[in-house]
Amino acid sequence: QAGRDVDVLFFLKDADGEPFAAKPIPLDPSGEGTEYGDLGDPSDDRPVKIDLPRTWRFVQALLEFEGAAVQRIFVVEHLRTLLLEEAKRASAPQATIDLFADVTCQPGFPHDDHLHIRFFCAADDIDAGCTDMAPIYPWHIERLKAAGREPAKAGPRSKGSRPKLTSHKEARAKAGPMHEDVTAFLDRRAAWVKNPHPGRKYCR
């Protein structure tokens, strides 16, 4: 997306509640996961949990920075819910909570191990030919209008422009033998990997 997309790993904690080096570890509906070293050997498994306060503070700072112009945050539905709950516990401004609720969505790939953040074209980028895909929110249109610009909408994707993704079945086959704890987690993960279509205004 012309350099306007970035993947950000969640802040994590270990079993003792201490900061854990960020890694792309899938997290379940309770916000917990496991760093599997050798997939066939459980002796090196390390449990982790999302650090909700730190992850929310990062997201809040991003959304409240006017220069950021966040268009989308792709994240699995259950972690979206946990972050909304954390925002309310932290007494975040309602406008920030509402903005997070509007811009977050789970796409076809679950995004249960990171946040995928997409930014709108800046005004000077629009002048250079930058275009945005839907959704383009009313508040962003007003922001551009104040800068003397209108949103430049991208045309339909050309056939075959989307990259071919490795299916979950293909990835499991490629990984080789796994311990039963790993396969049990992957079986549970099947419940949330599909696009849920929640029917919200900006995430159908």
C-alpha atoms as a PDB file:
ATOM      1  CA  GLN A   1       0.000   0.000   0.000  1.00  0.00           C
ATOM      2  CA  ALA A   2       2.626   2.529  -1.082  1.00  0.00           C
ATOM      3  CA  GLY A   3       4.455   2.267   2.222  1.00  0.00           C
ATOM      4  CA  ARG A   4       1.407   3.166   4.321  1.00  0.00           C
ATOM      5  CA  ASP A   5       0.918  -0.221   6.001  1.00  0.00           C
ATOM      6  CA  VAL A   6       2.851  -1.503   8.988  1.00  0.00           C
ATOM      7  CA  ASP A   7       2.658  -4.645  11.127  1.00  0.00           C
ATOM      8  CA  VAL A   8       3.107  -4.045  14.862  1.00  0.00           C
ATOM      9  CA  LEU A   9       3.546  -6.919  17.320  1.00  0.00           C
ATOM     10  CA  PHE A  10       1.566  -6.931  20.563  1.00  0.00           C
ATOM     11  CA  PHE A  11       3.229  -6.067  23.840  1.00  0.00           C
ATOM     12  CA  LEU A  12       3.478  -9.367  25.727  1.00  0.00           C
ATOM     13  CA  LYS A  13       4.065 -10.620  29.276  1.00  0.00           C
ATOM     14  CA  ASP A  14       5.522 -13.924  30.420  1.00  0.00           C
ATOM     15  CA  ALA A  15       4.064 -16.297  33.026  1.00  0.00           C
ATOM     16  CA  ASP A  16       5.468 -14.110  35.831  1.00  0.00           C
ATOM     17  CA  GLY A  17       3.904 -10.954  34.434  1.00  0.00           C
ATOM     18  CA  GLU A  18       7.251  -9.601  33.236  1.00  0.00           C
ATOM     19  CA  PRO A  19       7.714  -8.018  29.793  1.00  0.00           C
ATOM     20  CA  PHE A  20       8.336 -10.620  27.089  1.00  0.00           C
ATOM     21  CA  ALA A  21      10.208  -9.792  23.887  1.00  0.00           C
ATOM     22  CA  ALA A  22       7.612  -9.168  21.181  1.00  0.00           C
ATOM     23  CA  LYS A  23       7.161 -12.071  18.771  1.00  0.00           C
ATOM     24  CA  PRO A  24       4.375 -13.053  16.342  1.00  0.00           C
ATOM     25  CA  ILE A  25       2.614 -15.473  18.714  1.00  0.00           C
ATOM     26  CA  PRO A  26      -1.084 -16.214  18.039  1.00  0.00           C
ATOM     27  CA  LEU A  27      -3.261 -15.321  21.023  1.00  0.00           C
ATOM     28  CA  ASP A  28      -6.527 -16.990  21.997  1.00  0.00           C
ATOM     29  CA  PRO A  29      -9.773 -15.334  23.207  1.00  0.00           C
ATOM     30  CA  SER A  30      -8.315 -14.917  26.706  1.00  0.00           C
ATOM     31  CA  GLY A  31      -5.308 -13.093  25.213  1.00  0.00           C
ATOM     32  CA  GLU A  32      -2.987 -16.003  25.978  1.00  0.00           C
ATOM     33  CA  GLY A  33      -0.644 -17.961  23.745  1.00  0.00           C
ATOM     34  CA  THR A  34       2.484 -20.069  23.715  1.00  0.00           C
ATOM     35  CA  GLU A  35       5.875 -19.550  22.183  1.00  0.00           C
ATOM     36  CA  TYR A  36       6.543 -22.961  20.688  1.00  0.00           C
ATOM     37  CA  GLY A  37      10.224 -23.551  20.053  1.00  0.00           C
ATOM     38  CA  ASP A  38      10.569 -27.070  18.684  1.00  0.00           C
ATOM     39  CA  LEU A  39       7.028 -27.923  17.548  1.00  0.00           C
ATOM     40  CA  GLY A  40       7.583 -31.545  18.478  1.00  0.00           C
ATOM     41  CA  ASP A  41       9.082 -30.928  21.924  1.00  0.00           C
ATOM     42  CA  PRO A  42       6.973 -29.256  24.644  1.00  0.00           C
ATOM     43  CA  SER A  43       9.924 -28.796  27.015  1.00  0.00           C
ATOM     44  CA  ASP A  44      10.843 -25.426  25.472  1.00  0.00           C
ATOM     45  CA  ASP A  45       7.278 -24.028  25.329  1.00  0.00           C
ATOM     46  CA  ARG A  46       6.815 -20.668  27.049  1.00  0.00           C
ATOM     47  CA  PRO A  47       3.352 -19.249  27.895  1.00  0.00           C
ATOM     48  CA  VAL A  48       2.695 -15.591  27.151  1.00  0.00           C
ATOM     49  CA  LYS A  49      -0.184 -13.149  27.498  1.00  0.00           C
ATOM     50  CA  ILE A  50      -0.984  -9.862  25.821  1.00  0.00           C
ATOM     51  CA  ASP A  51       0.013  -6.835  27.879  1.00  0.00           C
ATOM     52  CA  LEU A  52      -3.265  -4.984  27.481  1.00  0.00           C
ATOM     53  CA  PRO A  53      -2.321  -1.721  29.239  1.00  0.00           C
ATOM     54  CA  ARG A  54       0.843  -1.218  27.167  1.00  0.00           C
ATOM     55  CA  THR A  55      -0.760  -2.340  23.910  1.00  0.00           C
ATOM     56  CA  TRP A  56      -3.731  -0.024  24.454  1.00  0.00           C
ATOM     57  CA  ARG A  57      -1.513   2.936  25.368  1.00  0.00           C
ATOM     58  CA  PHE A  58       0.370   2.476  22.099  1.00  0.00           C
ATOM     59  CA  VAL A  59      -2.866   2.339  20.100  1.00  0.00           C
ATOM     60  CA  GLN A  60      -4.318   5.303  21.987  1.00  0.00           C
ATOM     61  CA  ALA A  61      -1.237   7.437  21.329  1.00  0.00           C
ATOM     62  CA  LEU A  62      -1.392   6.578  17.643  1.00  0.00           C
ATOM     63  CA  LEU A  63      -5.083   7.379  17.292  1.00  0.00           C
ATOM     64  CA  GLU A  64      -4.795  10.644  19.212  1.00  0.00           C
ATOM     65  CA  PHE A  65      -1.830  11.895  17.173  1.00  0.00           C
ATOM     66  CA  GLU A  66      -3.493  14.070  14.554  1.00  0.00           C
ATOM     67  CA  GLY A  67      -0.700  13.619  12.051  1.00  0.00           C
ATOM     68  CA  ALA A  68      -1.156   9.844  11.933  1.00  0.00           C
ATOM     69  CA  ALA A  69      -4.520   9.640  10.056  1.00  0.00           C
ATOM     70  CA  VAL A  70      -5.114   5.960  10.779  1.00  0.00           C
ATOM     71  CA  GLN A  71      -7.447   4.360   8.267  1.00  0.00           C
ATOM     72  CA  ARG A  72      -7.525   0.764   9.452  1.00  0.00           C
ATOM     73  CA  ILE A  73      -6.302  -1.447  12.266  1.00  0.00           C
ATOM     74  CA  PHE A  74      -6.733  -5.077  11.307  1.00  0.00           C
ATOM     75  CA  VAL A  75      -6.954  -7.308  14.370  1.00  0.00           C
ATOM     76  CA  VAL A  76      -8.788 -10.481  15.377  1.00  0.00           C
ATOM     77  CA  GLU A  77     -12.206  -9.832  16.923  1.00  0.00           C
ATOM     78  CA  HIS A  78     -11.471 -11.245  20.380  1.00  0.00           C
ATOM     79  CA  LEU A  79      -8.399  -9.066  20.872  1.00  0.00           C
ATOM     80  CA  ARG A  80     -10.347  -6.063  19.615  1.00  0.00           C
ATOM     81  CA  THR A  81     -12.863  -6.789  22.385  1.00  0.00           C
ATOM     82  CA  LEU A  82     -10.126  -7.093  25.035  1.00  0.00           C
ATOM     83  CA  LEU A  83      -8.577  -3.802  23.927  1.00  0.00           C
ATOM     84  CA  LEU A  84     -11.938  -2.023  24.049  1.00  0.00           C
ATOM     85  CA  GLU A  85     -12.428  -3.323  27.588  1.00  0.00           C
ATOM     86  CA  GLU A  86      -8.952  -2.104  28.534  1.00  0.00           C
ATOM     87  CA  ALA A  87      -9.676   1.316  27.043  1.00  0.00           C
ATOM     88  CA  LYS A  88     -12.720   1.659  29.274  1.00  0.00           C
ATOM     89  CA  ARG A  89     -10.779   0.483  32.349  1.00  0.00           C
ATOM     90  CA  ALA A  90      -8.143   3.088  31.559  1.00  0.00           C
ATOM     91  CA  SER A  91     -10.835   5.798  31.289  1.00  0.00           C
ATOM     92  CA  ALA A  92      -9.706   6.649  27.778  1.00  0.00           C
ATOM     93  CA  PRO A  93     -11.582   9.519  26.076  1.00  0.00           C
ATOM     94  CA  GLN A  94     -14.822   8.272  24.560  1.00  0.00           C
ATOM     95  CA  ALA A  95     -13.883   9.825  21.219  1.00  0.00           C
ATOM     96  CA  THR A  96     -10.729   7.685  21.124  1.00  0.00           C
ATOM     97  CA  ILE A  97     -12.662   4.545  22.067  1.00  0.00           C
ATOM     98  CA  ASP A  98     -15.237   5.250  19.354  1.00  0.00           C
ATOM     99  CA  LEU A  99     -12.485   5.844  16.793  1.00  0.00           C
ATOM    100  CA  PHE A 100     -10.801   2.558  17.702  1.00  0.00           C
ATOM    101  CA  ALA A 101     -14.156   0.770  17.415  1.00  0.00           C
ATOM    102  CA  ASP A 102     -14.699   2.233  13.946  1.00  0.00           C
ATOM    103  CA  VAL A 103     -11.261   1.623  12.423  1.00  0.00           C
ATOM    104  CA  THR A 104     -10.728  -1.936  13.715  1.00  0.00           C
ATOM    105  CA  CYS A 105     -11.734  -4.976  11.692  1.00  0.00           C
ATOM    106  CA  GLN A 106     -10.741  -8.622  11.310  1.00  0.00           C
ATOM    107  CA  PRO A 107     -10.013  -9.470   7.671  1.00  0.00           C
ATOM    108  CA  GLY A 108      -9.782 -12.905   6.089  1.00  0.00           C
ATOM    109  CA  PHE A 109      -6.448 -13.557   7.769  1.00  0.00           C
ATOM    110  CA  PRO A 110      -7.112 -13.409  11.536  1.00  0.00           C
ATOM    111  CA  HIS A 111      -4.343 -11.059  12.766  1.00  0.00           C
ATOM    112  CA  ASP A 112      -4.220 -12.765  16.152  1.00  0.00           C
ATOM    113  CA  ASP A 113      -0.460 -12.262  16.498  1.00  0.00           C
ATOM    114  CA  HIS A 114      -0.066  -8.598  15.475  1.00  0.00           C
ATOM    115  CA  LEU A 115      -1.815  -5.362  14.554  1.00  0.00           C
ATOM    116  CA  HIS A 116      -1.834  -4.433  10.876  1.00  0.00           C
ATOM    117  CA  ILE A 117      -2.124  -0.646  10.703  1.00  0.00           C
ATOM    118  CA  ARG A 118      -2.950   1.269   7.519  1.00  0.00           C
ATOM    119  CA  PHE A 119      -2.650   5.036   7.149  1.00  0.00           C
ATOM    120  CA  PHE A 120      -4.511   7.386   4.818  1.00  0.00           C
ATOM    121  CA  CYS A 121      -2.675   9.271   2.096  1.00  0.00           C
ATOM    122  CA  ALA A 122      -1.400  12.604   3.370  1.00  0.00           C
ATOM    123  CA  ALA A 123      -2.545  15.718   1.520  1.00  0.00           C
ATOM    124  CA  ASP A 124       0.768  16.168  -0.311  1.00  0.00           C
ATOM    125  CA  ASP A 125       0.749  12.454  -1.205  1.00  0.00           C
ATOM    126  CA  ILE A 126      -2.661  12.893  -2.822  1.00  0.00           C
ATOM    127  CA  ASP A 127      -1.137  15.655  -4.959  1.00  0.00           C
ATOM    128  CA  ALA A 128       1.474  13.108  -6.075  1.00  0.00           C
ATOM    129  CA  GLY A 129      -1.141  10.525  -7.074  1.00  0.00           C
ATOM    130  CA  CYS A 130      -1.662   8.542  -3.841  1.00  0.00           C
ATOM    131  CA  THR A 131      -5.079   6.859  -3.617  1.00  0.00           C
ATOM    132  CA  ASP A 132      -7.021   5.328  -0.731  1.00  0.00           C
ATOM    133  CA  MET A 133      -9.251   2.276  -0.658  1.00  0.00           C
ATOM    134  CA  ALA A 134     -12.522   2.195   1.256  1.00  0.00           C
ATOM    135  CA  PRO A 135     -13.580   3.018   3.860  1.00  0.00           C
ATOM    136  CA  ILE A 136     -13.081   6.768   3.742  1.00  0.00           C
ATOM    137  CA  TYR A 137     -14.722   8.128   6.873  1.00  0.00           C
ATOM    138  CA  PRO A 138     -16.705  11.393   7.106  1.00  0.00           C
ATOM    139  CA  TRP A 139     -14.184  12.832   9.576  1.00  0.00           C
ATOM    140  CA  HIS A 140     -11.316  12.164   7.162  1.00  0.00           C
ATOM    141  CA  ILE A 141     -13.183  13.881   4.338  1.00  0.00           C
ATOM    142  CA  GLU A 142     -13.617  16.910   6.603  1.00  0.00           C
ATOM    143  CA  ARG A 143      -9.927  16.838   7.498  1.00  0.00           C
ATOM    144  CA  LEU A 144      -8.952  16.832   3.830  1.00  0.00           C
ATOM    145  CA  LYS A 145     -11.462  19.558   3.046  1.00  0.00           C
ATOM    146  CA  ALA A 146      -9.807  21.768   5.660  1.00  0.00           C
ATOM    147  CA  ALA A 147      -6.524  21.199   3.797  1.00  0.00           C
ATOM    148  CA  GLY A 148      -8.132  22.063   0.462  1.00  0.00           C
ATOM    149  CA  ARG A 149      -8.150  18.478  -0.797  1.00  0.00           C
ATOM    150  CA  GLU A 150     -10.619  15.736  -1.633  1.00  0.00           C
ATOM    151  CA  PRO A 151     -10.014  12.017  -1.085  1.00  0.00           C
ATOM    152  CA  ALA A 152      -8.600  10.185  -4.065  1.00  0.00           C
ATOM    153  CA  LYS A 153     -10.311   6.809  -4.222  1.00  0.00           C
ATOM    154  CA  ALA A 154      -8.489   3.799  -5.599  1.00  0.00           C
ATOM    155  CA  GLY A 155     -10.052   1.927  -8.482  1.00  0.00           C
ATOM    156  CA  PRO A 156     -10.985  -1.759  -8.352  1.00  0.00           C
ATOM    157  CA  ARG A 157      -8.168  -4.239  -7.900  1.00  0.00           C
ATOM    158  CA  SER A 158      -6.949  -5.842 -11.084  1.00  0.00           C
ATOM    159  CA  LYS A 159      -7.452  -9.571 -11.431  1.00  0.00           C
ATOM    160  CA  GLY A 160      -4.619 -11.487  -9.811  1.00  0.00           C
ATOM    161  CA  SER A 161      -3.287  -8.452  -7.922  1.00  0.00           C
ATOM    162  CA  ARG A 162      -3.819 -10.030  -4.512  1.00  0.00           C
ATOM    163  CA  PRO A 163      -0.886 -12.150  -3.333  1.00  0.00           C
ATOM    164  CA  LYS A 164      -1.522 -15.863  -2.941  1.00  0.00           C
ATOM    165  CA  LEU A 165      -1.601 -16.725   0.736  1.00  0.00           C
ATOM    166  CA  THR A 166      -0.528 -20.047   2.182  1.00  0.00           C
ATOM    167  CA  SER A 167      -3.594 -21.829   3.554  1.00  0.00           C
ATOM    168  CA  HIS A 168      -3.703 -23.018   7.154  1.00  0.00           C
ATOM    169  CA  LYS A 169      -3.812 -26.597   5.882  1.00  0.00           C
ATOM    170  CA  GLU A 170      -0.718 -26.045   3.718  1.00  0.00           C
ATOM    171  CA  ALA A 171       1.157 -24.370   6.591  1.00  0.00           C
ATOM    172  CA  ARG A 172       0.409 -27.261   8.964  1.00  0.00           C
ATOM    173  CA  ALA A 173       1.583 -29.795   6.403  1.00  0.00           C
ATOM    174  CA  LYS A 174       4.774 -27.825   5.764  1.00  0.00           C
ATOM    175  CA  ALA A 175       5.569 -27.542   9.488  1.00  0.00           C
ATOM    176  CA  GLY A 176       5.953 -31.296   9.854  1.00  0.00           C
ATOM    177  CA  PRO A 177       5.406 -33.362  13.027  1.00  0.00           C
ATOM    178  CA  MET A 178       3.938 -31.458  15.985  1.00  0.00           C
ATOM    179  CA  HIS A 179       3.358 -32.212  19.636  1.00  0.00           C
ATOM    180  CA  GLU A 180      -0.279 -32.779  20.591  1.00  0.00           C
ATOM    181  CA  ASP A 181      -0.335 -29.474  22.507  1.00  0.00           C
ATOM    182  CA  VAL A 182       0.467 -27.611  19.290  1.00  0.00           C
ATOM    183  CA  THR A 183      -2.144 -29.429  17.228  1.00  0.00           C
ATOM    184  CA  ALA A 184      -4.718 -28.868  19.981  1.00  0.00           C
ATOM    185  CA  PHE A 185      -4.071 -25.119  19.840  1.00  0.00           C
ATOM    186  CA  LEU A 186      -4.300 -25.080  16.054  1.00  0.00           C
ATOM    187  CA  ASP A 187      -7.584 -26.965  16.238  1.00  0.00           C
ATOM    188  CA  ARG A 188      -8.930 -24.350  18.673  1.00  0.00           C
ATOM    189  CA  ARG A 189      -7.597 -21.571  16.449  1.00  0.00           C
ATOM    190  CA  ALA A 190      -9.794 -22.793  13.610  1.00  0.00           C
ATOM    191  CA  ALA A 191     -12.746 -21.267  15.495  1.00  0.00           C
ATOM    192  CA  TRP A 192     -11.528 -17.702  14.919  1.00  0.00           C
ATOM    193  CA  VAL A 193      -9.412 -17.727  11.753  1.00  0.00           C
ATOM    194  CA  LYS A 194     -12.292 -17.086   9.351  1.00  0.00           C
ATOM    195  CA  ASN A 195     -13.563 -13.593   8.567  1.00  0.00           C
ATOM    196  CA  PRO A 196     -16.425 -13.135  11.079  1.00  0.00           C
ATOM    197  CA  HIS A 197     -18.425 -10.420   9.197  1.00  0.00           C
ATOM    198  CA  PRO A 198     -19.640  -8.658  12.363  1.00  0.00           C
ATOM    199  CA  GLY A 199     -21.917  -6.301  10.433  1.00  0.00           C
ATOM    200  CA  ARG A 200     -20.575  -3.052  11.865  1.00  0.00           C
ATOM    201  CA  LYS A 201     -20.811   0.116   9.766  1.00  0.00           C
ATOM    202  CA  TYR A 202     -17.173   0.045   8.680  1.00  0.00           C
ATOM    203  CA  CYS A 203     -16.548  -3.686   9.095  1.00  0.00           C
ATOM    204  CA  ARG A 204     -19.168  -5.806   7.440  1.00  0.00           C
END
